Amino acid sequence: MSHYFDTPEGPVREREFDETIWGRTHRFVTSNGVFSFDGLDLGTSVLLRSIDAPPAGTRVLDLGCGWGPITVALADAGVHVTAVDVNERALELCRRNAERAGVGERVQVVTPDAVDPEARFDELWSNPPIRIGKAALHELLLTWLPRLAPEGTAYLVVSKNLGADSLQKWLISQGYSCERRASAKGFRVLVVSWATDSPGA
């Protein structure tokens, strides 16, 4: 399995391609050693087709930003994005793609430990790394979902075959509201928010 969850070693092989998101075409550069370096992956594509861009000025966390398709699309819509990844090569690509799209001033590209612990976000967008294992995925979500503002919403896309339905049940058991917004191409789009009786609401 490709270890795109960590910064890769060895030579860099880059490629470029165009992707159209929300009616806007962007030129992206990717590289080996990052998730979906051949182009926009199916799960992220389903997420972006299922959810509209939030209003300009919204504060969004792109969790597991990779080379930045979600980050660039959101920033192009006027959104302020904090793009987070543990893969330094992915962060550099995300930063470059934001700059070449002319939206770098609305994007902060950082490792997880560099995010202000007091920062709260109106929305969280993620195609989470399911293959890191259930325990690690749960820890990841329990670390970042509490960063949502009281009226905040998270949008997650998860493969049905990799446990989307069980993840939805688990999130509800953790005190979150979690609804299925869309289902396409074998993926579920989950909408997560604070339950009305939860501490964050």
C-alpha atoms as a PDB file:
ATOM      1  CA  MET A   1       0.000   0.000   0.000  1.00  0.00           C
ATOM      2  CA  SER A   2       1.286   3.476  -0.835  1.00  0.00           C
ATOM      3  CA  HIS A   3       2.383   5.266   2.329  1.00  0.00           C
ATOM      4  CA  TYR A   4       1.077   8.707   1.381  1.00  0.00           C
ATOM      5  CA  PHE A   5       0.192   9.337   5.025  1.00  0.00           C
ATOM      6  CA  ASP A   6       3.841  10.252   5.708  1.00  0.00           C
ATOM      7  CA  THR A   7       6.363  12.382   3.874  1.00  0.00           C
ATOM      8  CA  PRO A   8       7.911  10.174   1.168  1.00  0.00           C
ATOM      9  CA  GLU A   9      11.576   9.755   0.391  1.00  0.00           C
ATOM     10  CA  GLY A  10      13.309   9.338  -2.939  1.00  0.00           C
ATOM     11  CA  PRO A  11      13.043  11.146  -6.274  1.00  0.00           C
ATOM     12  CA  VAL A  12      10.083  13.354  -7.095  1.00  0.00           C
ATOM     13  CA  ARG A  13       8.071  12.717 -10.260  1.00  0.00           C
ATOM     14  CA  GLU A  14       5.567  15.481 -10.918  1.00  0.00           C
ATOM     15  CA  ARG A  15       2.675  15.728 -13.341  1.00  0.00           C
ATOM     16  CA  GLU A  16       0.135  18.407 -14.236  1.00  0.00           C
ATOM     17  CA  PHE A  17      -3.498  18.249 -15.279  1.00  0.00           C
ATOM     18  CA  ASP A  18      -6.672  20.318 -15.316  1.00  0.00           C
ATOM     19  CA  GLU A  19      -9.664  19.752 -13.041  1.00  0.00           C
ATOM     20  CA  THR A  20     -12.998  21.571 -13.214  1.00  0.00           C
ATOM     21  CA  ILE A  21     -14.649  22.109  -9.813  1.00  0.00           C
ATOM     22  CA  TRP A  22     -17.834  24.132  -9.297  1.00  0.00           C
ATOM     23  CA  GLY A  23     -17.605  25.381 -12.867  1.00  0.00           C
ATOM     24  CA  ARG A  24     -14.029  26.655 -12.580  1.00  0.00           C
ATOM     25  CA  THR A  25     -11.069  24.933 -14.222  1.00  0.00           C
ATOM     26  CA  HIS A  26      -7.777  24.863 -12.343  1.00  0.00           C
ATOM     27  CA  ARG A  27      -4.352  23.593 -13.343  1.00  0.00           C
ATOM     28  CA  PHE A  28      -2.877  21.387 -10.624  1.00  0.00           C
ATOM     29  CA  VAL A  29       0.548  19.880 -10.103  1.00  0.00           C
ATOM     30  CA  THR A  30       0.884  16.590  -8.208  1.00  0.00           C
ATOM     31  CA  SER A  31       3.661  14.168  -7.422  1.00  0.00           C
ATOM     32  CA  ASN A  32       4.371  10.588  -6.543  1.00  0.00           C
ATOM     33  CA  GLY A  33       4.196   9.926  -2.820  1.00  0.00           C
ATOM     34  CA  VAL A  34       0.903  11.760  -2.302  1.00  0.00           C
ATOM     35  CA  PHE A  35      -2.668  10.515  -2.370  1.00  0.00           C
ATOM     36  CA  SER A  36      -4.246  10.276  -5.829  1.00  0.00           C
ATOM     37  CA  PHE A  37      -1.371  11.826  -7.755  1.00  0.00           C
ATOM     38  CA  ASP A  38      -2.996  10.730 -11.059  1.00  0.00           C
ATOM     39  CA  GLY A  39      -5.867  13.206 -10.634  1.00  0.00           C
ATOM     40  CA  LEU A  40      -8.940  13.958  -8.590  1.00  0.00           C
ATOM     41  CA  ASP A  41      -9.951  10.785  -6.748  1.00  0.00           C
ATOM     42  CA  LEU A  42     -13.494   9.477  -6.991  1.00  0.00           C
ATOM     43  CA  GLY A  43     -14.395  10.089  -3.345  1.00  0.00           C
ATOM     44  CA  THR A  44     -13.325  13.735  -3.361  1.00  0.00           C
ATOM     45  CA  SER A  45     -15.116  14.193  -6.674  1.00  0.00           C
ATOM     46  CA  VAL A  46     -18.343  12.863  -5.120  1.00  0.00           C
ATOM     47  CA  LEU A  47     -17.916  15.204  -2.145  1.00  0.00           C
ATOM     48  CA  LEU A  48     -17.390  18.273  -4.326  1.00  0.00           C
ATOM     49  CA  ARG A  49     -20.375  17.397  -6.520  1.00  0.00           C
ATOM     50  CA  SER A  50     -22.624  16.842  -3.493  1.00  0.00           C
ATOM     51  CA  ILE A  51     -21.848  19.948  -1.415  1.00  0.00           C
ATOM     52  CA  ASP A  52     -21.959  23.556  -2.587  1.00  0.00           C
ATOM     53  CA  ALA A  53     -19.247  26.028  -1.713  1.00  0.00           C
ATOM     54  CA  PRO A  54     -19.965  27.922   1.517  1.00  0.00           C
ATOM     55  CA  PRO A  55     -20.331  31.719   1.571  1.00  0.00           C
ATOM     56  CA  ALA A  56     -17.240  33.850   1.145  1.00  0.00           C
ATOM     57  CA  GLY A  57     -15.469  34.483   4.433  1.00  0.00           C
ATOM     58  CA  THR A  58     -16.349  31.101   5.920  1.00  0.00           C
ATOM     59  CA  ARG A  59     -13.538  29.562   7.980  1.00  0.00           C
ATOM     60  CA  VAL A  60     -12.870  26.017   6.748  1.00  0.00           C
ATOM     61  CA  LEU A  61     -10.493  23.261   7.803  1.00  0.00           C
ATOM     62  CA  ASP A  62      -9.435  20.943   4.970  1.00  0.00           C
ATOM     63  CA  LEU A  63      -8.370  17.867   6.925  1.00  0.00           C
ATOM     64  CA  GLY A  64      -5.942  15.750   4.910  1.00  0.00           C
ATOM     65  CA  CYS A  65      -5.617  18.329   2.146  1.00  0.00           C
ATOM     66  CA  GLY A  66      -3.265  16.334  -0.098  1.00  0.00           C
ATOM     67  CA  TRP A  67      -2.277  18.318  -3.178  1.00  0.00           C
ATOM     68  CA  GLY A  68      -5.160  20.686  -2.549  1.00  0.00           C
ATOM     69  CA  PRO A  69      -8.221  20.221  -4.774  1.00  0.00           C
ATOM     70  CA  ILE A  70     -10.681  21.020  -1.968  1.00  0.00           C
ATOM     71  CA  THR A  71      -8.506  23.832  -0.628  1.00  0.00           C
ATOM     72  CA  VAL A  72      -8.142  25.540  -4.004  1.00  0.00           C
ATOM     73  CA  ALA A  73     -11.832  25.201  -4.893  1.00  0.00           C
ATOM     74  CA  LEU A  74     -12.931  26.615  -1.535  1.00  0.00           C
ATOM     75  CA  ALA A  75     -10.432  29.465  -1.578  1.00  0.00           C
ATOM     76  CA  ASP A  76     -11.450  30.320  -5.137  1.00  0.00           C
ATOM     77  CA  ALA A  77     -14.993  30.745  -3.782  1.00  0.00           C
ATOM     78  CA  GLY A  78     -13.714  33.322  -1.284  1.00  0.00           C
ATOM     79  CA  VAL A  79     -13.398  30.966   1.668  1.00  0.00           C
ATOM     80  CA  HIS A  80     -10.556  31.126   4.218  1.00  0.00           C
ATOM     81  CA  VAL A  81      -8.971  27.662   4.364  1.00  0.00           C
ATOM     82  CA  THR A  82      -6.613  26.033   6.828  1.00  0.00           C
ATOM     83  CA  ALA A  83      -5.161  23.087   4.893  1.00  0.00           C
ATOM     84  CA  VAL A  84      -3.725  20.331   7.080  1.00  0.00           C
ATOM     85  CA  ASP A  85      -1.726  17.221   6.219  1.00  0.00           C
ATOM     86  CA  VAL A  86       1.061  15.133   7.746  1.00  0.00           C
ATOM     87  CA  ASN A  87       2.760  14.646   4.368  1.00  0.00           C
ATOM     88  CA  GLU A  88       5.192  17.532   3.786  1.00  0.00           C
ATOM     89  CA  ARG A  89       5.294  16.869   0.050  1.00  0.00           C
ATOM     90  CA  ALA A  90       1.514  17.138  -0.100  1.00  0.00           C
ATOM     91  CA  LEU A  91       1.639  20.415   1.837  1.00  0.00           C
ATOM     92  CA  GLU A  92       4.159  21.891  -0.590  1.00  0.00           C
ATOM     93  CA  LEU A  93       2.007  20.860  -3.557  1.00  0.00           C
ATOM     94  CA  CYS A  94      -1.109  22.303  -1.918  1.00  0.00           C
ATOM     95  CA  ARG A  95       0.740  25.562  -1.290  1.00  0.00           C
ATOM     96  CA  ARG A  96       1.977  25.722  -4.890  1.00  0.00           C
ATOM     97  CA  ASN A  97      -1.457  24.934  -6.309  1.00  0.00           C
ATOM     98  CA  ALA A  98      -3.077  27.638  -4.200  1.00  0.00           C
ATOM     99  CA  GLU A  99      -0.498  30.175  -5.347  1.00  0.00           C
ATOM    100  CA  ARG A 100      -0.822  29.279  -9.028  1.00  0.00           C
ATOM    101  CA  ALA A 101      -4.614  29.583  -8.701  1.00  0.00           C
ATOM    102  CA  GLY A 102      -4.163  33.080  -7.268  1.00  0.00           C
ATOM    103  CA  VAL A 103      -5.774  32.226  -3.921  1.00  0.00           C
ATOM    104  CA  GLY A 104      -2.714  31.835  -1.722  1.00  0.00           C
ATOM    105  CA  GLU A 105      -3.674  34.778   0.485  1.00  0.00           C
ATOM    106  CA  ARG A 106      -6.789  32.904   1.639  1.00  0.00           C
ATOM    107  CA  VAL A 107      -4.963  29.645   2.401  1.00  0.00           C
ATOM    108  CA  GLN A 108      -2.859  28.566   5.380  1.00  0.00           C
ATOM    109  CA  VAL A 109      -1.046  25.296   4.659  1.00  0.00           C
ATOM    110  CA  VAL A 110       0.304  23.674   7.826  1.00  0.00           C
ATOM    111  CA  THR A 111       1.053  20.462   9.656  1.00  0.00           C
ATOM    112  CA  PRO A 112      -1.512  19.479  12.307  1.00  0.00           C
ATOM    113  CA  ASP A 113       0.603  20.635  15.241  1.00  0.00           C
ATOM    114  CA  ALA A 114       0.941  24.109  13.719  1.00  0.00           C
ATOM    115  CA  VAL A 115      -2.808  24.836  13.848  1.00  0.00           C
ATOM    116  CA  ASP A 116      -3.720  27.351  16.541  1.00  0.00           C
ATOM    117  CA  PRO A 117      -5.282  25.233  19.326  1.00  0.00           C
ATOM    118  CA  GLU A 118      -7.798  28.011  19.961  1.00  0.00           C
ATOM    119  CA  ALA A 119      -8.934  28.168  16.330  1.00  0.00           C
ATOM    120  CA  ARG A 120     -12.517  27.150  15.587  1.00  0.00           C
ATOM    121  CA  PHE A 121     -13.922  26.480  12.144  1.00  0.00           C
ATOM    122  CA  ASP A 122     -17.307  27.008  10.551  1.00  0.00           C
ATOM    123  CA  GLU A 123     -16.836  23.939   8.375  1.00  0.00           C
ATOM    124  CA  LEU A 124     -14.549  20.922   8.123  1.00  0.00           C
ATOM    125  CA  TRP A 125     -14.142  19.148   4.785  1.00  0.00           C
ATOM    126  CA  SER A 126     -12.376  15.816   4.494  1.00  0.00           C
ATOM    127  CA  ASN A 127     -11.877  12.647   2.528  1.00  0.00           C
ATOM    128  CA  PRO A 128     -10.444  11.051   5.683  1.00  0.00           C
ATOM    129  CA  PRO A 129      -7.645   8.446   5.554  1.00  0.00           C
ATOM    130  CA  ILE A 130      -9.785   5.396   6.290  1.00  0.00           C
ATOM    131  CA  ARG A 131      -6.907   3.011   5.650  1.00  0.00           C
ATOM    132  CA  ILE A 132      -4.960   4.191   8.694  1.00  0.00           C
ATOM    133  CA  GLY A 133      -7.252   1.861  10.679  1.00  0.00           C
ATOM    134  CA  LYS A 134     -10.393   2.322  12.728  1.00  0.00           C
ATOM    135  CA  ALA A 135      -8.701   3.265  16.009  1.00  0.00           C
ATOM    136  CA  ALA A 136      -6.452   5.868  14.361  1.00  0.00           C
ATOM    137  CA  LEU A 137      -9.362   7.252  12.328  1.00  0.00           C
ATOM    138  CA  HIS A 138     -11.507   7.615  15.440  1.00  0.00           C
ATOM    139  CA  GLU A 139      -8.658   9.394  17.223  1.00  0.00           C
ATOM    140  CA  LEU A 140      -8.230  11.719  14.240  1.00  0.00           C
ATOM    141  CA  LEU A 141     -11.916  12.659  14.145  1.00  0.00           C
ATOM    142  CA  LEU A 142     -12.146  13.103  17.906  1.00  0.00           C
ATOM    143  CA  THR A 143      -9.181  15.465  17.672  1.00  0.00           C
ATOM    144  CA  TRP A 144     -10.581  17.685  14.926  1.00  0.00           C
ATOM    145  CA  LEU A 145     -14.380  17.564  15.124  1.00  0.00           C
ATOM    146  CA  PRO A 146     -14.287  19.429  18.474  1.00  0.00           C
ATOM    147  CA  ARG A 147     -12.653  22.306  16.552  1.00  0.00           C
ATOM    148  CA  LEU A 148     -16.015  23.034  14.920  1.00  0.00           C
ATOM    149  CA  ALA A 149     -17.718  26.252  15.982  1.00  0.00           C
ATOM    150  CA  PRO A 150     -21.037  25.790  17.822  1.00  0.00           C
ATOM    151  CA  GLU A 151     -23.001  26.058  14.555  1.00  0.00           C
ATOM    152  CA  GLY A 152     -20.278  24.333  12.554  1.00  0.00           C
ATOM    153  CA  THR A 153     -20.626  21.461  10.094  1.00  0.00           C
ATOM    154  CA  ALA A 154     -18.261  18.770   8.866  1.00  0.00           C
ATOM    155  CA  TYR A 155     -18.535  17.147   5.445  1.00  0.00           C
ATOM    156  CA  LEU A 156     -16.909  13.726   5.163  1.00  0.00           C
ATOM    157  CA  VAL A 157     -16.802  11.376   2.180  1.00  0.00           C
ATOM    158  CA  VAL A 158     -16.256   7.704   2.990  1.00  0.00           C
ATOM    159  CA  SER A 159     -16.398   4.563   0.886  1.00  0.00           C
ATOM    160  CA  LYS A 160     -19.373   2.369   1.693  1.00  0.00           C
ATOM    161  CA  ASN A 161     -17.148  -0.699   1.416  1.00  0.00           C
ATOM    162  CA  LEU A 162     -14.675   0.782   3.888  1.00  0.00           C
ATOM    163  CA  GLY A 163     -17.187   1.383   6.638  1.00  0.00           C
ATOM    164  CA  ALA A 164     -19.144   4.564   5.922  1.00  0.00           C
ATOM    165  CA  ASP A 165     -22.303   3.267   7.578  1.00  0.00           C
ATOM    166  CA  SER A 166     -20.536   2.000  10.686  1.00  0.00           C
ATOM    167  CA  LEU A 167     -18.657   5.302  10.932  1.00  0.00           C
ATOM    168  CA  GLN A 168     -21.965   7.163  10.822  1.00  0.00           C
ATOM    169  CA  LYS A 169     -23.282   5.054  13.705  1.00  0.00           C
ATOM    170  CA  TRP A 170     -20.076   5.580  15.683  1.00  0.00           C
ATOM    171  CA  LEU A 171     -20.223   9.352  15.247  1.00  0.00           C
ATOM    172  CA  ILE A 172     -23.781   9.371  16.538  1.00  0.00           C
ATOM    173  CA  SER A 173     -22.682   7.267  19.509  1.00  0.00           C
ATOM    174  CA  GLN A 174     -20.058   9.945  20.247  1.00  0.00           C
ATOM    175  CA  GLY A 175     -22.756  12.574  20.618  1.00  0.00           C
ATOM    176  CA  TYR A 176     -22.710  14.090  17.136  1.00  0.00           C
ATOM    177  CA  SER A 177     -25.547  14.541  14.695  1.00  0.00           C
ATOM    178  CA  CYS A 178     -24.582  12.644  11.525  1.00  0.00           C
ATOM    179  CA  GLU A 179     -26.754  12.428   8.434  1.00  0.00           C
ATOM    180  CA  ARG A 180     -26.138  11.004   4.986  1.00  0.00           C
ATOM    181  CA  ARG A 181     -26.322  13.804   2.420  1.00  0.00           C
ATOM    182  CA  ALA A 182     -25.522  11.787  -0.708  1.00  0.00           C
ATOM    183  CA  SER A 183     -24.564   8.348  -1.932  1.00  0.00           C
ATOM    184  CA  ALA A 184     -22.828   7.860  -5.286  1.00  0.00           C
ATOM    185  CA  LYS A 185     -20.164   5.707  -6.923  1.00  0.00           C
ATOM    186  CA  GLY A 186     -19.865   3.592  -3.770  1.00  0.00           C
ATOM    187  CA  PHE A 187     -19.280   6.583  -1.481  1.00  0.00           C
ATOM    188  CA  ARG A 188     -21.342   8.215   1.238  1.00  0.00           C
ATOM    189  CA  VAL A 189     -21.231  11.920   2.009  1.00  0.00           C
ATOM    190  CA  LEU A 190     -21.791  12.393   5.738  1.00  0.00           C
ATOM    191  CA  VAL A 191     -22.832  15.692   7.300  1.00  0.00           C
ATOM    192  CA  VAL A 192     -21.685  15.978  10.924  1.00  0.00           C
ATOM    193  CA  SER A 193     -22.600  18.646  13.451  1.00  0.00           C
ATOM    194  CA  TRP A 194     -22.911  19.096  17.177  1.00  0.00           C
ATOM    195  CA  ALA A 195     -25.952  17.364  18.650  1.00  0.00           C
ATOM    196  CA  THR A 196     -28.287  19.843  20.341  1.00  0.00           C
ATOM    197  CA  ASP A 197     -27.394  18.535  23.797  1.00  0.00           C
ATOM    198  CA  SER A 198     -23.626  18.242  23.230  1.00  0.00           C
ATOM    199  CA  PRO A 199     -21.060  20.471  24.987  1.00  0.00           C
ATOM    200  CA  GLY A 200     -20.098  22.205  21.754  1.00  0.00           C
ATOM    201  CA  ALA A 201     -23.607  23.154  20.699  1.00  0.00           C
END
